[in-house]
C-alpha atoms as a PDB file:
ATOM      1  CA  GLN A   1       0.040   4.205   5.305  1.00  0.00           C
ATOM      2  CA  VAL A   2      -0.480   0.508   4.061  1.00  0.00           C
ATOM      3  CA  GLN A   3       2.081  -1.430   2.190  1.00  0.00           C
ATOM      4  CA  LEU A   4       2.756  -5.131   1.460  1.00  0.00           C
ATOM      5  CA  VAL A   5       5.906  -5.937   0.430  1.00  0.00           C
ATOM      6  CA  GLU A   6       6.595  -9.711  -0.713  1.00  0.00           C
ATOM      7  CA  SER A   7      10.305 -11.151  -0.199  1.00  0.00           C
ATOM      8  CA  GLY A   8      12.096 -14.487  -0.737  1.00  0.00           C
ATOM      9  CA  GLY A   9      10.908 -15.573  -4.158  1.00  0.00           C
ATOM     10  CA  GLY A  10      13.511 -17.153  -6.557  1.00  0.00           C
ATOM     11  CA  LEU A  11      14.472 -20.349  -8.071  1.00  0.00           C
ATOM     12  CA  GLY A  12      13.616 -23.487  -6.427  1.00  0.00           C
ATOM     13  CA  GLN A  13      14.003 -26.978  -7.304  1.00  0.00           C
ATOM     14  CA  ALA A  14      11.375 -29.560  -7.570  1.00  0.00           C
ATOM     15  CA  GLY A  15      11.223 -31.328  -4.219  1.00  0.00           C
ATOM     16  CA  GLY A  16      12.794 -28.709  -2.354  1.00  0.00           C
ATOM     17  CA  SER A  17      11.680 -25.561  -0.324  1.00  0.00           C
ATOM     18  CA  LEU A  18      11.144 -21.866  -0.143  1.00  0.00           C
ATOM     19  CA  ARG A  19       9.992 -19.405   2.057  1.00  0.00           C
ATOM     20  CA  LEU A  20       8.349 -16.377   1.656  1.00  0.00           C
ATOM     21  CA  SER A  21       7.566 -13.342   3.843  1.00  0.00           C
ATOM     22  CA  CYS A  22       5.177 -10.734   3.635  1.00  0.00           C
ATOM     23  CA  SER A  23       5.970  -7.289   5.509  1.00  0.00           C
ATOM     24  CA  ALA A  24       2.817  -5.766   6.156  1.00  0.00           C
ATOM     25  CA  SER A  25       3.436  -2.312   7.169  1.00  0.00           C
ATOM     26  CA  GLY A  26       0.368   0.060   8.246  1.00  0.00           C
ATOM     27  CA  ILE A  27      -1.786  -3.580   8.647  1.00  0.00           C
ATOM     28  CA  ASN A  28      -3.682  -4.077  11.901  1.00  0.00           C
ATOM     29  CA  PHE A  29      -3.821  -7.748  12.109  1.00  0.00           C
ATOM     30  CA  ALA A  30      -7.304  -7.395  14.625  1.00  0.00           C
ATOM     31  CA  PHE A  31      -8.936  -5.688  11.522  1.00  0.00           C
ATOM     32  CA  ASN A  32      -7.325  -8.200   8.583  1.00  0.00           C
ATOM     33  CA  ASN A  33      -7.478 -11.532   7.568  1.00  0.00           C
ATOM     34  CA  MET A  34      -4.288 -12.341   5.725  1.00  0.00           C
ATOM     35  CA  ALA A  35      -3.720 -14.585   2.553  1.00  0.00           C
ATOM     36  CA  TRP A  36      -1.485 -15.613  -0.200  1.00  0.00           C
ATOM     37  CA  TYR A  37      -2.468 -16.067  -3.532  1.00  0.00           C
ATOM     38  CA  ARG A  38      -0.341 -16.862  -6.984  1.00  0.00           C
ATOM     39  CA  GLN A  39      -0.879 -16.248 -10.536  1.00  0.00           C
ATOM     40  CA  VAL A  40       0.518 -17.409 -13.744  1.00  0.00           C
ATOM     41  CA  PRO A  41      -0.107 -15.873 -17.079  1.00  0.00           C
ATOM     42  CA  GLY A  42      -3.700 -16.824 -18.825  1.00  0.00           C
ATOM     43  CA  LYS A  43      -4.987 -17.895 -15.482  1.00  0.00           C
ATOM     44  CA  LYS A  44      -6.908 -16.237 -12.806  1.00  0.00           C
ATOM     45  CA  ARG A  45      -5.414 -15.707  -9.484  1.00  0.00           C
ATOM     46  CA  GLU A  46      -5.625 -18.688  -7.147  1.00  0.00           C
ATOM     47  CA  LEU A  47      -6.201 -18.211  -3.318  1.00  0.00           C
ATOM     48  CA  LEU A  48      -3.669 -20.503  -1.625  1.00  0.00           C
ATOM     49  CA  ALA A  49      -3.871 -19.999   2.401  1.00  0.00           C
ATOM     50  CA  THR A  50      -5.509 -17.940   4.770  1.00  0.00           C
ATOM     51  CA  PHE A  51      -4.852 -16.607   8.232  1.00  0.00           C
ATOM     52  CA  THR A  52      -7.910 -15.277   9.923  1.00  0.00           C
ATOM     53  CA  ARG A  53      -7.540 -12.500  12.527  1.00  0.00           C
ATOM     54  CA  ARG A  54      -8.393 -15.125  15.352  1.00  0.00           C
ATOM     55  CA  GLY A  55      -5.484 -17.523  14.056  1.00  0.00           C
ATOM     56  CA  ARG A  56      -7.683 -20.241  11.600  1.00  0.00           C
ATOM     57  CA  THR A  57      -5.887 -21.176   8.625  1.00  0.00           C
ATOM     58  CA  ASN A  58      -7.415 -22.411   5.363  1.00  0.00           C
ATOM     59  CA  TYR A  59      -5.718 -24.272   2.424  1.00  0.00           C
ATOM     60  CA  ALA A  60      -6.328 -24.667  -1.127  1.00  0.00           C
ATOM     61  CA  ASP A  61      -6.335 -28.281  -2.154  1.00  0.00           C
ATOM     62  CA  SER A  62      -3.162 -27.878  -4.347  1.00  0.00           C
ATOM     63  CA  VAL A  63      -0.932 -26.883  -1.700  1.00  0.00           C
ATOM     64  CA  LYS A  64      -2.466 -28.477   1.323  1.00  0.00           C
ATOM     65  CA  GLY A  65       0.092 -30.619   3.239  1.00  0.00           C
ATOM     66  CA  ARG A  66       2.710 -28.833   1.347  1.00  0.00           C
ATOM     67  CA  PHE A  67       2.475 -25.179   2.279  1.00  0.00           C
ATOM     68  CA  THR A  68       2.113 -23.525   5.769  1.00  0.00           C
ATOM     69  CA  ILE A  69       0.931 -20.183   6.037  1.00  0.00           C
ATOM     70  CA  SER A  70       2.141 -18.481   9.584  1.00  0.00           C
ATOM     71  CA  ARG A  71       1.475 -15.026  11.282  1.00  0.00           C
ATOM     72  CA  ASP A  72       4.497 -13.243  13.295  1.00  0.00           C
ATOM     73  CA  SER A  73       2.561 -10.425  15.330  1.00  0.00           C
ATOM     74  CA  SER A  74       5.982  -9.403  16.877  1.00  0.00           C
ATOM     75  CA  ARG A  75       7.620  -8.779  13.428  1.00  0.00           C
ATOM     76  CA  HIS A  76       4.540  -7.662  11.802  1.00  0.00           C
ATOM     77  CA  THR A  77       5.032 -10.448   8.931  1.00  0.00           C
ATOM     78  CA  VAL A  78       2.980 -13.222   7.188  1.00  0.00           C
ATOM     79  CA  SER A  79       4.992 -15.978   5.707  1.00  0.00           C
ATOM     80  CA  LEU A  80       4.217 -18.883   3.255  1.00  0.00           C
ATOM     81  CA  GLN A  81       6.590 -21.914   3.853  1.00  0.00           C
ATOM     82  CA  MET A  82       6.660 -24.031   0.750  1.00  0.00           C
ATOM     83  CA  ASN A  83       7.611 -27.530   0.835  1.00  0.00           C
ATOM     84  CA  SER A  84       7.790 -30.483  -1.566  1.00  0.00           C
ATOM     85  CA  LEU A  85       8.043 -27.964  -4.433  1.00  0.00           C
ATOM     86  CA  ARG A  86       6.379 -28.977  -7.888  1.00  0.00           C
ATOM     87  CA  PRO A  87       7.022 -27.082 -11.476  1.00  0.00           C
ATOM     88  CA  GLU A  88       3.609 -26.227 -11.381  1.00  0.00           C
ATOM     89  CA  ASP A  89       4.040 -23.912  -8.365  1.00  0.00           C
ATOM     90  CA  THR A  90       5.960 -21.611 -10.891  1.00  0.00           C
ATOM     91  CA  ALA A  91       4.081 -18.231 -10.519  1.00  0.00           C
ATOM     92  CA  VAL A  92       4.190 -14.789  -9.101  1.00  0.00           C
ATOM     93  CA  TYR A  93       2.946 -14.977  -5.316  1.00  0.00           C
ATOM     94  CA  TYR A  94       1.020 -12.201  -3.736  1.00  0.00           C
ATOM     95  CA  CYS A  95       0.398 -10.929  -0.157  1.00  0.00           C
ATOM     96  CA  ASN A  96      -3.142  -9.950   0.578  1.00  0.00           C
ATOM     97  CA  ALA A  97      -4.825  -8.212   3.480  1.00  0.00           C
ATOM     98  CA  HIS A  98      -8.633  -8.297   3.869  1.00  0.00           C
ATOM     99  CA  ARG A  99      -9.944  -5.848   6.070  1.00  0.00           C
ATOM    100  CA  ILE A 100     -13.071  -7.121   7.976  1.00  0.00           C
ATOM    101  CA  VAL A 101     -14.322  -4.033   9.350  1.00  0.00           C
ATOM    102  CA  THR A 102     -15.782  -0.874   7.575  1.00  0.00           C
ATOM    103  CA  PRO A 103     -14.668   0.173   5.071  1.00  0.00           C
ATOM    104  CA  ILE A 104     -14.022  -3.370   3.830  1.00  0.00           C
ATOM    105  CA  LYS A 105     -10.674  -3.395   1.709  1.00  0.00           C
ATOM    106  CA  ASP A 106      -8.391  -5.396  -0.106  1.00  0.00           C
ATOM    107  CA  TYR A 107      -4.802  -4.579  -0.119  1.00  0.00           C
ATOM    108  CA  TRP A 108      -2.062  -6.379  -2.416  1.00  0.00           C
ATOM    109  CA  GLY A 109       1.530  -6.533  -2.211  1.00  0.00           C
ATOM    110  CA  GLN A 110       3.514  -6.247  -5.630  1.00  0.00           C
ATOM    111  CA  GLY A 111       4.222  -9.873  -5.970  1.00  0.00           C
ATOM    112  CA  THR A 112       7.391 -12.009  -5.867  1.00  0.00           C
ATOM    113  CA  GLN A 113       8.227 -14.521  -9.076  1.00  0.00           C
ATOM    114  CA  VAL A 114       8.914 -18.416  -7.699  1.00  0.00           C
ATOM    115  CA  THR A 115      10.306 -20.824 -10.396  1.00  0.00           C
ATOM    116  CA  VAL A 116      10.551 -24.491  -9.836  1.00  0.00           C
ATOM    117  CA  SER A 117      12.916 -26.290 -11.946  1.00  0.00           C
ATOM    118  CA  LEU A 118      12.725 -30.142 -12.449  1.00  0.00           C
END
């Protein structure tokens, strides 16, 4: 059974840091690329960072140099370290697993709210 559960969201301060964690129950990291997204009301869901099954990472320009995605195979989690927070980082953050072997499929967590104050 696949279940993605985000944690670590909450209130942060501009210039500060938060760390999000995604518990990836039932996900085989050899078959899935992992990613973090965020979404605000009235906007489309934005891809922030990816971590491929081979360990390659990619970042959106909006977070490059500030956010870091990582994968811990032993603890079976994927994290997003967020530094130099800005108010515009306020959003609901989602963990995503993209299965790359058949059947191709996407899994999503329930989301966790991040609010950054001035």
